[in-house]
Amino acid sequence: MTVKAQIKEHIASLPDAQRADMQTLHELAVKLSPKSKLWFLDGKNEQGKQVTNPNIGYGEQTMQLAGGKTRAFYRVGFAAGKSGISVYIIGLADKKHLQNAYGKKIGKAKVTGYCIAFKTLKDIKIEVLKEAIRFGLMASE
């Protein structure tokens, strides 16, 4: 199955409210960066056990791991969970950037060093989220 098909199937499997929000976010990310690599991580470990929520990723970067190893990974990702939706901006050198740049103006969301979490899109200002996603994707083009 292609990554596009996995993403489509995953979004279709979500509850109604999250399905609509995740579809909106997916379309937004693709529109902002149509050439970005797409990722789908099912959240399962090597034994097939669900260890995290499935997530959709956009863009690509090389991450430095412990022991000097490197790994390719996405720059921006979306995950739907029991408490809402998380938008991950991965690989930021300044762990306070998201909070300082978007935290006070995004609306009802929890903003950490690499994550913007909210219940639904209607709780936040989509233009501010779009700005954060654009910032996260910039390095992937």
C-alpha atoms as a PDB file:
ATOM      1  CA  MET A   1       0.000   0.000   0.000  1.00  0.00           C
ATOM      2  CA  THR A   2       1.336   3.452  -0.869  1.00  0.00           C
ATOM      3  CA  VAL A   3       1.875   6.105   1.782  1.00  0.00           C
ATOM      4  CA  LYS A   4      -0.936   8.189   0.243  1.00  0.00           C
ATOM      5  CA  ALA A   5      -3.278   5.190   0.524  1.00  0.00           C
ATOM      6  CA  GLN A   6      -2.211   4.552   4.136  1.00  0.00           C
ATOM      7  CA  ILE A   7      -2.908   8.186   5.019  1.00  0.00           C
ATOM      8  CA  LYS A   8      -6.300   8.102   3.312  1.00  0.00           C
ATOM      9  CA  GLU A   9      -7.231   4.850   5.096  1.00  0.00           C
ATOM     10  CA  HIS A  10      -6.047   6.155   8.460  1.00  0.00           C
ATOM     11  CA  ILE A  11      -7.998   9.411   8.189  1.00  0.00           C
ATOM     12  CA  ALA A  12     -11.109   7.482   7.097  1.00  0.00           C
ATOM     13  CA  SER A  13     -10.823   5.275  10.205  1.00  0.00           C
ATOM     14  CA  LEU A  14     -10.992   8.198  12.655  1.00  0.00           C
ATOM     15  CA  PRO A  15     -14.141   9.319  14.514  1.00  0.00           C
ATOM     16  CA  ASP A  16     -16.150  11.936  12.574  1.00  0.00           C
ATOM     17  CA  ALA A  17     -14.880  15.102  14.289  1.00  0.00           C
ATOM     18  CA  GLN A  18     -11.238  14.057  14.188  1.00  0.00           C
ATOM     19  CA  ARG A  19     -11.606  12.791  10.632  1.00  0.00           C
ATOM     20  CA  ALA A  20     -12.690  16.214   9.414  1.00  0.00           C
ATOM     21  CA  ASP A  21      -9.944  18.030  11.344  1.00  0.00           C
ATOM     22  CA  MET A  22      -7.211  15.604  10.263  1.00  0.00           C
ATOM     23  CA  GLN A  23      -8.357  15.822   6.630  1.00  0.00           C
ATOM     24  CA  THR A  24      -8.225  19.622   6.857  1.00  0.00           C
ATOM     25  CA  LEU A  25      -4.725  19.491   8.350  1.00  0.00           C
ATOM     26  CA  HIS A  26      -3.535  17.002   5.735  1.00  0.00           C
ATOM     27  CA  GLU A  27      -4.825  19.170   2.887  1.00  0.00           C
ATOM     28  CA  LEU A  28      -3.259  22.239   4.495  1.00  0.00           C
ATOM     29  CA  ALA A  29       0.191  20.632   4.812  1.00  0.00           C
ATOM     30  CA  VAL A  30       0.111  19.333   1.244  1.00  0.00           C
ATOM     31  CA  LYS A  31      -0.953  22.760  -0.021  1.00  0.00           C
ATOM     32  CA  LEU A  32       1.791  24.528   1.959  1.00  0.00           C
ATOM     33  CA  SER A  33       4.479  22.153   0.740  1.00  0.00           C
ATOM     34  CA  PRO A  34       3.299  20.017  -2.198  1.00  0.00           C
ATOM     35  CA  LYS A  35       6.766  18.592  -2.868  1.00  0.00           C
ATOM     36  CA  SER A  36       7.365  17.434   0.711  1.00  0.00           C
ATOM     37  CA  LYS A  37       7.884  13.750   1.342  1.00  0.00           C
ATOM     38  CA  LEU A  38       4.834  12.089   2.939  1.00  0.00           C
ATOM     39  CA  TRP A  39       5.194   9.678   5.859  1.00  0.00           C
ATOM     40  CA  PHE A  40       2.791   7.360   7.642  1.00  0.00           C
ATOM     41  CA  LEU A  41       3.834   5.739  10.915  1.00  0.00           C
ATOM     42  CA  ASP A  42       1.315   3.238  12.263  1.00  0.00           C
ATOM     43  CA  GLY A  43       2.470   3.562  15.886  1.00  0.00           C
ATOM     44  CA  LYS A  44       3.403  -0.111  16.239  1.00  0.00           C
ATOM     45  CA  ASN A  45       6.700  -1.470  17.491  1.00  0.00           C
ATOM     46  CA  GLU A  46       8.713  -4.324  15.944  1.00  0.00           C
ATOM     47  CA  GLN A  47       6.434  -6.868  17.666  1.00  0.00           C
ATOM     48  CA  GLY A  48       3.321  -5.271  16.166  1.00  0.00           C
ATOM     49  CA  LYS A  49       2.155  -3.837  19.487  1.00  0.00           C
ATOM     50  CA  GLN A  50       0.494  -0.397  19.396  1.00  0.00           C
ATOM     51  CA  VAL A  51       2.838   1.882  21.372  1.00  0.00           C
ATOM     52  CA  THR A  52       1.800   5.326  20.119  1.00  0.00           C
ATOM     53  CA  ASN A  53      -0.902   6.963  18.047  1.00  0.00           C
ATOM     54  CA  PRO A  54      -0.455   6.616  14.279  1.00  0.00           C
ATOM     55  CA  ASN A  55       0.910   9.780  12.729  1.00  0.00           C
ATOM     56  CA  ILE A  56       1.182  11.441   9.359  1.00  0.00           C
ATOM     57  CA  GLY A  57       4.386  13.281   8.533  1.00  0.00           C
ATOM     58  CA  TYR A  58       5.540  15.847   5.982  1.00  0.00           C
ATOM     59  CA  GLY A  59       8.994  16.898   4.840  1.00  0.00           C
ATOM     60  CA  GLU A  60      12.284  15.231   5.624  1.00  0.00           C
ATOM     61  CA  GLN A  61      15.317  15.841   7.773  1.00  0.00           C
ATOM     62  CA  THR A  62      18.264  13.882   9.072  1.00  0.00           C
ATOM     63  CA  MET A  63      18.159  13.533  12.841  1.00  0.00           C
ATOM     64  CA  GLN A  64      21.209  12.895  14.993  1.00  0.00           C
ATOM     65  CA  LEU A  65      20.701   9.968  17.365  1.00  0.00           C
ATOM     66  CA  ALA A  66      22.671   8.822  20.392  1.00  0.00           C
ATOM     67  CA  GLY A  67      25.909   7.094  19.549  1.00  0.00           C
ATOM     68  CA  GLY A  68      26.506   9.201  16.434  1.00  0.00           C
ATOM     69  CA  LYS A  69      23.906   7.436  14.291  1.00  0.00           C
ATOM     70  CA  THR A  70      21.520   9.341  12.039  1.00  0.00           C
ATOM     71  CA  ARG A  71      17.987   8.702  10.867  1.00  0.00           C
ATOM     72  CA  ALA A  72      15.667  10.241   8.299  1.00  0.00           C
ATOM     73  CA  PHE A  73      12.456  11.580   9.834  1.00  0.00           C
ATOM     74  CA  TYR A  74       9.648  14.009   9.039  1.00  0.00           C
ATOM     75  CA  ARG A  75       9.695  17.713   9.978  1.00  0.00           C
ATOM     76  CA  VAL A  76       5.966  18.202  10.708  1.00  0.00           C
ATOM     77  CA  GLY A  77       3.565  15.498  11.867  1.00  0.00           C
ATOM     78  CA  PHE A  78      -0.073  15.137  12.898  1.00  0.00           C
ATOM     79  CA  ALA A  79      -1.579  12.578  15.266  1.00  0.00           C
ATOM     80  CA  ALA A  80      -5.131  12.104  16.514  1.00  0.00           C
ATOM     81  CA  GLY A  81      -5.596  10.671  19.997  1.00  0.00           C
ATOM     82  CA  LYS A  82      -8.144  10.383  22.779  1.00  0.00           C
ATOM     83  CA  SER A  83      -7.483  13.913  24.014  1.00  0.00           C
ATOM     84  CA  GLY A  84      -7.447  15.587  20.603  1.00  0.00           C
ATOM     85  CA  ILE A  85      -4.905  16.359  17.900  1.00  0.00           C
ATOM     86  CA  SER A  86      -1.174  16.916  18.201  1.00  0.00           C
ATOM     87  CA  VAL A  87       0.903  18.804  15.654  1.00  0.00           C
ATOM     88  CA  TYR A  88       4.597  17.983  15.953  1.00  0.00           C
ATOM     89  CA  ILE A  89       7.302  20.325  14.684  1.00  0.00           C
ATOM     90  CA  ILE A  90      10.419  18.151  14.861  1.00  0.00           C
ATOM     91  CA  GLY A  91      14.070  19.168  14.902  1.00  0.00           C
ATOM     92  CA  LEU A  92      13.862  22.718  16.206  1.00  0.00           C
ATOM     93  CA  ALA A  93      17.129  23.910  17.738  1.00  0.00           C
ATOM     94  CA  ASP A  94      15.294  26.436  19.930  1.00  0.00           C
ATOM     95  CA  LYS A  95      12.958  24.412  22.175  1.00  0.00           C
ATOM     96  CA  LYS A  96      11.147  27.598  23.239  1.00  0.00           C
ATOM     97  CA  HIS A  97      10.403  28.833  19.721  1.00  0.00           C
ATOM     98  CA  LEU A  98       6.908  27.333  19.383  1.00  0.00           C
ATOM     99  CA  GLN A  99       5.846  28.590  22.786  1.00  0.00           C
ATOM    100  CA  ASN A 100       7.306  32.063  22.270  1.00  0.00           C
ATOM    101  CA  ALA A 101       6.150  32.529  18.668  1.00  0.00           C
ATOM    102  CA  TYR A 102       2.688  30.925  18.774  1.00  0.00           C
ATOM    103  CA  GLY A 103       1.729  30.023  22.352  1.00  0.00           C
ATOM    104  CA  LYS A 104      -0.046  33.238  23.312  1.00  0.00           C
ATOM    105  CA  LYS A 105      -1.826  33.814  20.018  1.00  0.00           C
ATOM    106  CA  ILE A 106      -2.918  30.332  18.876  1.00  0.00           C
ATOM    107  CA  GLY A 107      -5.935  29.951  21.154  1.00  0.00           C
ATOM    108  CA  LYS A 108      -6.911  27.013  23.331  1.00  0.00           C
ATOM    109  CA  ALA A 109      -3.852  24.779  22.852  1.00  0.00           C
ATOM    110  CA  LYS A 110      -0.983  23.364  24.866  1.00  0.00           C
ATOM    111  CA  VAL A 111       2.314  24.382  23.280  1.00  0.00           C
ATOM    112  CA  THR A 112       5.566  22.626  24.240  1.00  0.00           C
ATOM    113  CA  GLY A 113       9.059  22.470  22.764  1.00  0.00           C
ATOM    114  CA  TYR A 114       7.957  20.461  19.732  1.00  0.00           C
ATOM    115  CA  CYS A 115       4.167  20.020  19.981  1.00  0.00           C
ATOM    116  CA  ILE A 116       0.974  22.036  19.607  1.00  0.00           C
ATOM    117  CA  ALA A 117      -1.907  20.033  21.074  1.00  0.00           C
ATOM    118  CA  PHE A 118      -5.593  20.943  20.958  1.00  0.00           C
ATOM    119  CA  LYS A 119      -9.013  19.305  21.176  1.00  0.00           C
ATOM    120  CA  THR A 120     -10.377  20.471  17.812  1.00  0.00           C
ATOM    121  CA  LEU A 121      -9.464  22.972  15.100  1.00  0.00           C
ATOM    122  CA  LYS A 122     -12.317  25.238  16.197  1.00  0.00           C
ATOM    123  CA  ASP A 123     -10.455  25.793  19.508  1.00  0.00           C
ATOM    124  CA  ILE A 124      -7.489  27.446  17.803  1.00  0.00           C
ATOM    125  CA  LYS A 125      -6.660  30.122  15.276  1.00  0.00           C
ATOM    126  CA  ILE A 126      -5.966  28.184  12.085  1.00  0.00           C
ATOM    127  CA  GLU A 127      -3.901  31.027  10.584  1.00  0.00           C
ATOM    128  CA  VAL A 128      -1.491  30.851  13.532  1.00  0.00           C
ATOM    129  CA  LEU A 129      -1.251  27.059  13.208  1.00  0.00           C
ATOM    130  CA  LYS A 130      -0.645  27.473   9.478  1.00  0.00           C
ATOM    131  CA  GLU A 131       2.221  29.851  10.289  1.00  0.00           C
ATOM    132  CA  ALA A 132       3.768  27.257  12.660  1.00  0.00           C
ATOM    133  CA  ILE A 133       3.403  24.456  10.090  1.00  0.00           C
ATOM    134  CA  ARG A 134       4.949  26.632   7.387  1.00  0.00           C
ATOM    135  CA  PHE A 135       7.860  27.395   9.723  1.00  0.00           C
ATOM    136  CA  GLY A 136       8.352  23.677  10.402  1.00  0.00           C
ATOM    137  CA  LEU A 137       8.266  22.749   6.736  1.00  0.00           C
ATOM    138  CA  MET A 138      10.604  25.525   5.546  1.00  0.00           C
ATOM    139  CA  ALA A 139      13.751  23.467   5.994  1.00  0.00           C
ATOM    140  CA  SER A 140      12.320  20.522   4.063  1.00  0.00           C
ATOM    141  CA  GLU A 141      12.034  22.235   0.679  1.00  0.00           C
END
